[in-house]
Protein backbone atom coordinates (compact mmCIF):
# COMPACT_ATOMS: atom_id res chain seq x y z
CA UNK A 1 0.00 0.00 0.00
CA UNK A 2 1.37 3.40 -0.98
CA UNK A 3 1.44 5.79 1.97
CA UNK A 4 2.74 8.65 -0.17
CA UNK A 5 -0.39 9.16 -2.28
CA UNK A 6 -2.50 12.29 -1.84
CA UNK A 7 -5.74 11.11 -3.44
CA UNK A 8 -8.81 10.82 -1.21
CA UNK A 9 -9.48 7.24 -2.30
CA UNK A 10 -6.00 6.05 -1.36
CA UNK A 11 -6.20 7.98 1.93
CA UNK A 12 -9.43 6.14 2.80
CA UNK A 13 -7.82 2.80 1.94
CA UNK A 14 -4.83 3.62 4.16
CA UNK A 15 -7.14 4.51 7.06
CA UNK A 16 -8.88 1.12 6.76
CA UNK A 17 -5.58 -0.79 6.62
CA UNK A 18 -5.12 -2.75 9.88
CA UNK A 19 -1.34 -2.30 9.72
CA UNK A 20 -1.78 1.45 9.46
CA UNK A 21 -4.20 1.44 12.41
CA UNK A 22 -1.65 -0.51 14.47
CA UNK A 23 0.90 2.16 13.65
CA UNK A 24 -1.52 4.88 14.78
CA UNK A 25 -2.14 3.00 18.04
CA UNK A 26 1.63 2.63 18.54
CA UNK A 27 2.11 6.36 18.06
CA UNK A 28 -0.72 7.09 20.51
CA UNK A 29 0.86 4.75 23.06
CA UNK A 30 4.19 6.49 22.52
CA UNK A 31 2.45 9.84 23.10
CA UNK A 32 0.97 8.57 26.37
CA UNK A 33 4.38 7.31 27.54
CA UNK A 34 5.97 10.60 26.54
CA UNK A 35 3.45 12.63 28.53
CA UNK A 36 3.90 10.50 31.63
CA UNK A 37 7.68 10.65 31.23
CA UNK A 38 7.44 14.45 31.06
CA UNK A 39 5.25 14.57 34.20
CA UNK A 40 7.63 12.21 36.03
CA UNK A 41 10.61 14.34 35.06
CA UNK A 42 8.75 17.44 36.20
CA UNK A 43 8.07 15.89 39.61
CA UNK A 44 11.67 14.69 39.91
CA UNK A 45 13.08 18.13 39.19
CA UNK A 46 10.67 20.98 39.91
CA UNK A 47 8.50 19.05 42.38
CA UNK A 48 11.45 17.82 44.41
CA UNK A 49 13.04 21.28 44.52
CA UNK A 50 9.73 22.83 45.57
CA UNK A 51 9.16 20.30 48.34
CA UNK A 52 12.76 20.73 49.48
CA UNK A 53 12.27 24.49 49.74
CA UNK A 54 9.17 23.89 51.88
CA UNK A 55 10.76 21.20 54.07
CA UNK A 56 10.80 23.28 57.29
CA UNK A 57 7.18 24.31 56.89
CA UNK A 58 6.15 20.74 56.03
CA UNK A 59 7.91 19.46 59.17
CA UNK A 60 6.00 22.03 61.22
CA UNK A 61 2.74 21.00 59.57
CA UNK A 62 3.33 17.37 60.57
CA UNK A 63 3.18 18.50 64.19
CA UNK A 64 0.48 21.17 64.01
CA UNK A 65 -1.56 20.80 60.86
CA UNK A 66 -4.10 23.46 59.98
CA UNK A 67 -5.33 24.68 56.65
CA UNK A 68 -4.13 28.13 57.62
CA UNK A 69 -0.57 26.78 57.89
CA UNK A 70 -0.85 25.34 54.38
CA UNK A 71 -2.21 28.63 53.06
CA UNK A 72 0.47 30.79 54.63
CA UNK A 73 3.25 28.38 53.70
CA UNK A 74 2.27 28.69 50.07
CA UNK A 75 1.61 32.45 50.19
CA UNK A 76 4.98 33.27 51.74
CA UNK A 77 6.87 30.85 49.48
CA UNK A 78 5.67 31.82 46.00
CA UNK A 79 8.30 30.03 43.89
CA UNK A 80 7.89 26.61 45.56
CA UNK A 81 4.11 27.12 45.43
CA UNK A 82 4.33 27.85 41.70
CA UNK A 83 6.49 24.77 41.17
CA UNK A 84 4.03 22.55 42.99
CA UNK A 85 1.12 24.11 41.11
CA UNK A 86 2.81 23.36 37.78
CA UNK A 87 3.49 19.74 38.80
CA UNK A 88 -0.02 19.18 40.10
CA UNK A 89 -1.59 20.92 37.11
CA UNK A 90 0.35 18.86 34.56
CA UNK A 91 -0.42 15.63 36.42
CA UNK A 92 -4.15 16.39 36.55
CA UNK A 93 -4.10 17.48 32.90
CA UNK A 94 -2.52 14.23 31.72
CA UNK A 95 -4.86 12.19 33.93
CA UNK A 96 -7.93 13.92 32.47
CA UNK A 97 -6.60 13.62 28.89
CA UNK A 98 -5.89 9.91 29.28
CA UNK A 99 -9.18 9.25 31.09
CA UNK A 100 -11.12 10.95 28.30
CA UNK A 101 -9.32 8.83 25.71
CA UNK A 102 -9.98 5.63 27.64
CA UNK A 103 -13.65 6.37 28.31
CA UNK A 104 -14.76 7.92 25.01
CA UNK A 105 -11.93 7.07 22.62
CA UNK A 106 -9.75 9.43 20.66
CA UNK A 107 -11.52 12.42 19.18
CA UNK A 108 -11.59 12.44 15.36
CA UNK A 109 -9.34 15.51 15.26
CA UNK A 110 -6.61 13.85 17.36
CA UNK A 111 -6.91 10.61 15.38
CA UNK A 112 -6.44 12.52 12.10
CA UNK A 113 -3.40 14.27 13.56
CA UNK A 114 -1.90 10.93 14.60
CA UNK A 115 -2.62 9.50 11.14
CA UNK A 116 -0.85 12.44 9.50
CA UNK A 117 2.13 11.98 11.82
CA UNK A 118 2.31 8.26 11.02
CA UNK A 119 2.31 9.07 7.29
CA UNK A 120 5.09 11.62 7.81
CA UNK A 121 7.15 9.17 9.88
CA UNK A 122 6.81 6.39 7.31
CA UNK A 123 7.48 8.79 4.44
CA UNK A 124 10.65 10.16 6.06
CA UNK A 125 11.92 6.63 6.61
CA UNK A 126 14.87 5.54 8.72
CA UNK A 127 16.05 9.08 9.37
CA UNK A 128 13.04 9.76 11.63
CA UNK A 129 13.75 8.98 15.32
CA UNK A 130 10.44 7.10 15.78
CA UNK A 131 10.59 5.14 12.52
CA UNK A 132 11.88 2.01 14.18
CA UNK A 133 9.15 2.07 16.83
CA UNK A 134 6.26 2.99 14.54
CA UNK A 135 6.95 1.55 11.08
CA UNK A 136 9.62 -1.11 11.44
CA UNK A 137 7.86 -2.89 14.29
CA UNK A 138 5.43 -4.37 11.70
CA UNK A 139 8.20 -6.62 10.38
CA UNK A 140 9.00 -8.06 13.82
CA UNK A 141 7.02 -11.21 14.49
CA UNK A 142 6.09 -11.95 18.14
């Protein structure tokens, strides 16, 4: 099957090809792993530094916890608070994105984008960094 054709009929045939759909699913899985890797890296760098900056206040909160202590710890430490907010926001964002995809499936717009990316990866060939994962994995038998 020719992935380089621009005609609408060939594009429809490519979309129905089970090998092509496997490639799209592989790229989606790679996207999910990439997002979680980014969130993990964010927590390991920014999150750890933010928690480290708040270590004295956290130790005090273990002894005398009140919501006021949480509020004032974050108000009077704006950079660590911002770092934690970024980490928590990205984590919640990825959780909601992945939950939506699991519950209702990929939206048509995202699926089309993934299909275009798969076509670009296969068209570029071995010089693309994801070619081995997306396109060459078809030739490997389990």
